[in-house]
Amino acid sequence: DVTERMLAEGALRALTAIFDATTDYVVQLDTKGRITYMNPAARRRTGVALDAPLQHRTLEDFNPPQTLDRFISEVWPAAVATGVWVGESLVWDAERREFPVSHIVIAHRDKDGRVEYFSALMRDISAAKAAEQAVRDSEHRLRMVTDNLPVLISYLDRDLCFRFVNRTHQQCFGTEAAPQI
């Protein structure tokens, strides 16, 4: 039917435009881990020219060994079993430097239920990870300073739960801060 075909082609053009415009990385692989599609953002980040063929590229070209091991032991089995895996992983950029991504892997099935191919959607979370580390570093510095002061320091929230106590306060009263939620 011509109308149905035209609608399908229009939907494919719209999807391609989305993949071409997004800053997230979109990759498709066959069941043997060979790359069959990379959107422009993924190609730029990994140093693959926009017009470069992909048939010789594999999962091993873009992922450090620990990520490959995790794919085999966790990601592929979960995606095959449930249809999707969601988590974080490390991938390589064009200079083979690792960077963290939030990662979704989708197992696509044929009409008989067999996995036909996989799609991976990734977002660079380097900035978020750096911010988390900066907060941890700051908290560590604050803890070092307050724990070495010979004064009682505590912080109570509006429900009068201790959220922070220094070592002097803890030693004097045996009080511990409530776990962070």
C-alpha atoms as a PDB file:
ATOM      1  CA  ASP A   1       0.000   0.000   0.000  1.00  0.00           C
ATOM      2  CA  VAL A   2       1.480   3.322  -1.156  1.00  0.00           C
ATOM      3  CA  THR A   3       0.018   5.449   1.660  1.00  0.00           C
ATOM      4  CA  GLU A   4       1.412   3.148   4.354  1.00  0.00           C
ATOM      5  CA  ARG A   5       4.813   3.138   2.670  1.00  0.00           C
ATOM      6  CA  MET A   6       4.857   6.953   2.420  1.00  0.00           C
ATOM      7  CA  LEU A   7       3.969   7.244   6.116  1.00  0.00           C
ATOM      8  CA  ALA A   8       6.749   4.806   7.046  1.00  0.00           C
ATOM      9  CA  GLU A   9       9.277   6.705   4.933  1.00  0.00           C
ATOM     10  CA  GLY A  10       8.204   9.998   6.531  1.00  0.00           C
ATOM     11  CA  ALA A  11       8.598   8.510  10.009  1.00  0.00           C
ATOM     12  CA  LEU A  12      12.063   7.221   9.067  1.00  0.00           C
ATOM     13  CA  ARG A  13      13.089  10.676   7.786  1.00  0.00           C
ATOM     14  CA  ALA A  14      11.875  12.281  11.023  1.00  0.00           C
ATOM     15  CA  LEU A  15      13.746   9.733  13.138  1.00  0.00           C
ATOM     16  CA  THR A  16      16.911  10.229  11.090  1.00  0.00           C
ATOM     17  CA  ALA A  17      16.632  14.003  11.556  1.00  0.00           C
ATOM     18  CA  ILE A  18      16.360  13.506  15.332  1.00  0.00           C
ATOM     19  CA  PHE A  19      19.398  11.194  15.407  1.00  0.00           C
ATOM     20  CA  ASP A  20      21.387  13.614  13.233  1.00  0.00           C
ATOM     21  CA  ALA A  21      20.577  16.593  15.461  1.00  0.00           C
ATOM     22  CA  THR A  22      20.976  15.105  18.936  1.00  0.00           C
ATOM     23  CA  THR A  23      24.151  15.590  20.946  1.00  0.00           C
ATOM     24  CA  ASP A  24      23.633  12.139  22.470  1.00  0.00           C
ATOM     25  CA  TYR A  25      25.399   9.177  20.899  1.00  0.00           C
ATOM     26  CA  VAL A  26      23.273   6.658  19.017  1.00  0.00           C
ATOM     27  CA  VAL A  27      24.832   3.412  17.826  1.00  0.00           C
ATOM     28  CA  GLN A  28      23.391   0.207  16.373  1.00  0.00           C
ATOM     29  CA  LEU A  29      25.149  -3.147  16.414  1.00  0.00           C
ATOM     30  CA  ASP A  30      24.429  -6.583  15.053  1.00  0.00           C
ATOM     31  CA  THR A  31      24.337  -9.588  17.378  1.00  0.00           C
ATOM     32  CA  LYS A  32      28.072 -10.169  16.878  1.00  0.00           C
ATOM     33  CA  GLY A  33      28.990  -6.681  18.123  1.00  0.00           C
ATOM     34  CA  ARG A  34      29.685  -5.176  14.694  1.00  0.00           C
ATOM     35  CA  ILE A  35      28.712  -1.514  14.330  1.00  0.00           C
ATOM     36  CA  THR A  36      26.033  -0.938  11.698  1.00  0.00           C
ATOM     37  CA  TYR A  37      25.120   2.699  12.470  1.00  0.00           C
ATOM     38  CA  MET A  38      26.595   5.663  14.343  1.00  0.00           C
ATOM     39  CA  ASN A  39      24.919   9.043  14.433  1.00  0.00           C
ATOM     40  CA  PRO A  40      27.013  12.172  13.741  1.00  0.00           C
ATOM     41  CA  ALA A  41      27.557  12.972  17.442  1.00  0.00           C
ATOM     42  CA  ALA A  42      28.953   9.476  18.106  1.00  0.00           C
ATOM     43  CA  ARG A  43      31.164   9.676  15.016  1.00  0.00           C
ATOM     44  CA  ARG A  44      32.566  13.079  16.013  1.00  0.00           C
ATOM     45  CA  ARG A  45      33.315  12.020  19.603  1.00  0.00           C
ATOM     46  CA  THR A  46      35.011   8.805  18.522  1.00  0.00           C
ATOM     47  CA  GLY A  47      36.869  10.295  15.552  1.00  0.00           C
ATOM     48  CA  VAL A  48      34.983   8.377  12.867  1.00  0.00           C
ATOM     49  CA  ALA A  49      34.456  10.527   9.772  1.00  0.00           C
ATOM     50  CA  LEU A  50      30.825  11.180   8.879  1.00  0.00           C
ATOM     51  CA  ASP A  51      31.254   9.388   5.555  1.00  0.00           C
ATOM     52  CA  ALA A  52      33.500   6.568   6.804  1.00  0.00           C
ATOM     53  CA  PRO A  53      32.203   3.032   6.310  1.00  0.00           C
ATOM     54  CA  LEU A  54      31.414   1.091   9.474  1.00  0.00           C
ATOM     55  CA  GLN A  55      31.448  -2.547   8.378  1.00  0.00           C
ATOM     56  CA  HIS A  56      34.933  -3.163   9.843  1.00  0.00           C
ATOM     57  CA  ARG A  57      34.137  -1.438  13.179  1.00  0.00           C
ATOM     58  CA  THR A  58      33.238  -3.436  16.275  1.00  0.00           C
ATOM     59  CA  LEU A  59      32.355  -2.846  19.886  1.00  0.00           C
ATOM     60  CA  GLU A  60      36.034  -3.417  20.774  1.00  0.00           C
ATOM     61  CA  ASP A  61      37.026  -0.282  18.826  1.00  0.00           C
ATOM     62  CA  PHE A  62      35.136   2.049  21.172  1.00  0.00           C
ATOM     63  CA  ASN A  63      35.114   0.437  24.606  1.00  0.00           C
ATOM     64  CA  PRO A  64      37.831  -0.212  27.189  1.00  0.00           C
ATOM     65  CA  PRO A  65      38.359  -3.830  28.340  1.00  0.00           C
ATOM     66  CA  GLN A  66      36.401  -3.435  31.600  1.00  0.00           C
ATOM     67  CA  THR A  67      33.384  -2.172  29.639  1.00  0.00           C
ATOM     68  CA  LEU A  68      33.640  -5.086  27.197  1.00  0.00           C
ATOM     69  CA  ASP A  69      33.785  -7.544  30.109  1.00  0.00           C
ATOM     70  CA  ARG A  70      30.715  -5.915  31.629  1.00  0.00           C
ATOM     71  CA  PHE A  71      28.864  -6.087  28.307  1.00  0.00           C
ATOM     72  CA  ILE A  72      29.466  -9.828  28.156  1.00  0.00           C
ATOM     73  CA  SER A  73      28.655 -10.563  31.791  1.00  0.00           C
ATOM     74  CA  GLU A  74      25.841  -8.084  32.475  1.00  0.00           C
ATOM     75  CA  VAL A  75      24.655  -5.786  29.692  1.00  0.00           C
ATOM     76  CA  TRP A  76      23.930  -8.231  26.842  1.00  0.00           C
ATOM     77  CA  PRO A  77      22.280 -10.851  29.101  1.00  0.00           C
ATOM     78  CA  ALA A  78      20.046  -8.207  30.722  1.00  0.00           C
ATOM     79  CA  ALA A  79      19.105  -6.639  27.387  1.00  0.00           C
ATOM     80  CA  VAL A  80      18.317 -10.041  25.883  1.00  0.00           C
ATOM     81  CA  ALA A  81      16.300 -11.126  28.935  1.00  0.00           C
ATOM     82  CA  THR A  82      14.295  -7.932  29.486  1.00  0.00           C
ATOM     83  CA  GLY A  83      14.647  -6.016  26.221  1.00  0.00           C
ATOM     84  CA  VAL A  84      16.636  -3.163  27.771  1.00  0.00           C
ATOM     85  CA  TRP A  85      19.594  -2.454  30.031  1.00  0.00           C
ATOM     86  CA  VAL A  86      20.104   0.935  31.684  1.00  0.00           C
ATOM     87  CA  GLY A  87      23.245   1.983  33.514  1.00  0.00           C
ATOM     88  CA  GLU A  88      26.533   3.810  33.288  1.00  0.00           C
ATOM     89  CA  SER A  89      29.682   2.757  31.507  1.00  0.00           C
ATOM     90  CA  LEU A  90      32.984   4.034  30.176  1.00  0.00           C
ATOM     91  CA  VAL A  91      33.697   4.486  26.476  1.00  0.00           C
ATOM     92  CA  TRP A  92      36.628   5.820  24.467  1.00  0.00           C
ATOM     93  CA  ASP A  93      36.811   9.133  22.645  1.00  0.00           C
ATOM     94  CA  ALA A  94      38.830   9.729  19.468  1.00  0.00           C
ATOM     95  CA  GLU A  95      42.126   9.689  21.448  1.00  0.00           C
ATOM     96  CA  ARG A  96      41.080   6.520  23.341  1.00  0.00           C
ATOM     97  CA  ARG A  97      40.575   8.445  26.571  1.00  0.00           C
ATOM     98  CA  GLU A  98      37.846   7.015  28.761  1.00  0.00           C
ATOM     99  CA  PHE A  99      34.795   9.101  29.552  1.00  0.00           C
ATOM    100  CA  PRO A 100      31.624   8.153  31.465  1.00  0.00           C
ATOM    101  CA  VAL A 101      28.230   7.854  29.810  1.00  0.00           C
ATOM    102  CA  SER A 102      24.722   7.088  30.897  1.00  0.00           C
ATOM    103  CA  HIS A 103      23.924   4.144  28.704  1.00  0.00           C
ATOM    104  CA  ILE A 104      20.792   2.437  27.427  1.00  0.00           C
ATOM    105  CA  VAL A 105      21.036  -0.779  25.410  1.00  0.00           C
ATOM    106  CA  ILE A 106      17.920  -2.038  23.647  1.00  0.00           C
ATOM    107  CA  ALA A 107      17.576  -5.527  22.169  1.00  0.00           C
ATOM    108  CA  HIS A 108      15.412  -5.430  19.022  1.00  0.00           C
ATOM    109  CA  ARG A 109      13.609  -8.654  18.152  1.00  0.00           C
ATOM    110  CA  ASP A 110      12.269 -10.067  14.913  1.00  0.00           C
ATOM    111  CA  LYS A 111       8.686 -11.300  14.558  1.00  0.00           C
ATOM    112  CA  ASP A 112       9.725 -14.681  15.996  1.00  0.00           C
ATOM    113  CA  GLY A 113      11.221 -13.123  19.128  1.00  0.00           C
ATOM    114  CA  ARG A 114      14.902 -13.610  18.217  1.00  0.00           C
ATOM    115  CA  VAL A 115      17.275 -10.712  18.869  1.00  0.00           C
ATOM    116  CA  GLU A 116      17.964  -9.117  15.512  1.00  0.00           C
ATOM    117  CA  TYR A 117      20.180  -6.186  16.556  1.00  0.00           C
ATOM    118  CA  PHE A 118      20.959  -3.830  19.426  1.00  0.00           C
ATOM    119  CA  SER A 119      20.662  -0.065  19.786  1.00  0.00           C
ATOM    120  CA  ALA A 120      22.735   1.900  22.267  1.00  0.00           C
ATOM    121  CA  LEU A 121      21.938   5.427  23.387  1.00  0.00           C
ATOM    122  CA  MET A 122      24.607   7.235  25.380  1.00  0.00           C
ATOM    123  CA  ARG A 123      24.966  10.634  27.004  1.00  0.00           C
ATOM    124  CA  ASP A 124      28.281  12.062  28.191  1.00  0.00           C
ATOM    125  CA  ILE A 125      28.094  12.510  31.967  1.00  0.00           C
ATOM    126  CA  SER A 126      31.663  13.740  32.470  1.00  0.00           C
ATOM    127  CA  ALA A 127      30.533  17.119  33.834  1.00  0.00           C
ATOM    128  CA  ALA A 128      28.100  15.536  36.299  1.00  0.00           C
ATOM    129  CA  LYS A 129      30.747  13.078  37.512  1.00  0.00           C
ATOM    130  CA  ALA A 130      33.258  15.920  37.946  1.00  0.00           C
ATOM    131  CA  ALA A 131      30.687  17.910  39.948  1.00  0.00           C
ATOM    132  CA  GLU A 132      29.950  14.886  42.158  1.00  0.00           C
ATOM    133  CA  GLN A 133      33.673  14.444  42.797  1.00  0.00           C
ATOM    134  CA  ALA A 134      34.042  18.151  43.630  1.00  0.00           C
ATOM    135  CA  VAL A 135      31.246  17.843  46.214  1.00  0.00           C
ATOM    136  CA  ARG A 136      32.885  14.742  47.742  1.00  0.00           C
ATOM    137  CA  ASP A 137      36.252  16.545  47.866  1.00  0.00           C
ATOM    138  CA  SER A 138      34.653  19.581  49.497  1.00  0.00           C
ATOM    139  CA  GLU A 139      32.851  17.431  52.053  1.00  0.00           C
ATOM    140  CA  HIS A 140      36.114  15.638  52.830  1.00  0.00           C
ATOM    141  CA  ARG A 141      37.936  18.952  53.378  1.00  0.00           C
ATOM    142  CA  LEU A 142      35.127  20.222  55.605  1.00  0.00           C
ATOM    143  CA  ARG A 143      35.185  16.998  57.615  1.00  0.00           C
ATOM    144  CA  MET A 144      38.982  17.205  58.053  1.00  0.00           C
ATOM    145  CA  VAL A 145      38.796  20.802  59.305  1.00  0.00           C
ATOM    146  CA  THR A 146      35.839  20.336  61.659  1.00  0.00           C
ATOM    147  CA  ASP A 147      37.060  17.033  63.064  1.00  0.00           C
ATOM    148  CA  ASN A 148      40.324  18.657  64.139  1.00  0.00           C
ATOM    149  CA  LEU A 149      38.757  21.601  65.953  1.00  0.00           C
ATOM    150  CA  PRO A 150      38.411  21.303  69.759  1.00  0.00           C
ATOM    151  CA  VAL A 151      34.836  22.632  69.624  1.00  0.00           C
ATOM    152  CA  LEU A 152      31.411  21.029  69.345  1.00  0.00           C
ATOM    153  CA  ILE A 153      30.010  21.406  65.828  1.00  0.00           C
ATOM    154  CA  SER A 154      26.681  20.013  64.705  1.00  0.00           C
ATOM    155  CA  TYR A 155      23.972  20.715  62.218  1.00  0.00           C
ATOM    156  CA  LEU A 156      20.329  19.843  62.823  1.00  0.00           C
ATOM    157  CA  ASP A 157      17.679  19.902  60.115  1.00  0.00           C
ATOM    158  CA  ARG A 158      14.209  21.382  60.596  1.00  0.00           C
ATOM    159  CA  ASP A 159      13.020  18.076  62.092  1.00  0.00           C
ATOM    160  CA  LEU A 160      15.801  18.363  64.683  1.00  0.00           C
ATOM    161  CA  CYS A 161      17.702  15.395  63.256  1.00  0.00           C
ATOM    162  CA  PHE A 162      21.469  15.622  63.370  1.00  0.00           C
ATOM    163  CA  ARG A 163      22.745  15.851  59.801  1.00  0.00           C
ATOM    164  CA  PHE A 164      26.342  16.643  60.696  1.00  0.00           C
ATOM    165  CA  VAL A 165      28.434  16.271  63.825  1.00  0.00           C
ATOM    166  CA  ASN A 166      32.169  16.683  64.138  1.00  0.00           C
ATOM    167  CA  ARG A 167      34.391  14.183  65.937  1.00  0.00           C
ATOM    168  CA  THR A 168      34.531  16.292  69.145  1.00  0.00           C
ATOM    169  CA  HIS A 169      30.714  16.393  69.303  1.00  0.00           C
ATOM    170  CA  GLN A 170      30.476  12.677  68.610  1.00  0.00           C
ATOM    171  CA  GLN A 171      33.056  11.825  71.301  1.00  0.00           C
ATOM    172  CA  CYS A 172      31.404  14.089  73.866  1.00  0.00           C
ATOM    173  CA  PHE A 173      27.763  13.046  73.320  1.00  0.00           C
ATOM    174  CA  GLY A 174      27.976   9.818  71.308  1.00  0.00           C
ATOM    175  CA  THR A 175      25.749  11.460  68.691  1.00  0.00           C
ATOM    176  CA  GLU A 176      25.928  10.368  65.073  1.00  0.00           C
ATOM    177  CA  ALA A 177      24.551  12.140  62.049  1.00  0.00           C
ATOM    178  CA  ALA A 178      21.478  10.629  60.426  1.00  0.00           C
ATOM    179  CA  PRO A 179      22.161   9.016  57.070  1.00  0.00           C
ATOM    180  CA  GLN A 180      21.697  11.253  54.038  1.00  0.00           C
ATOM    181  CA  ILE A 181      18.571  10.581  52.013  1.00  0.00           C
END
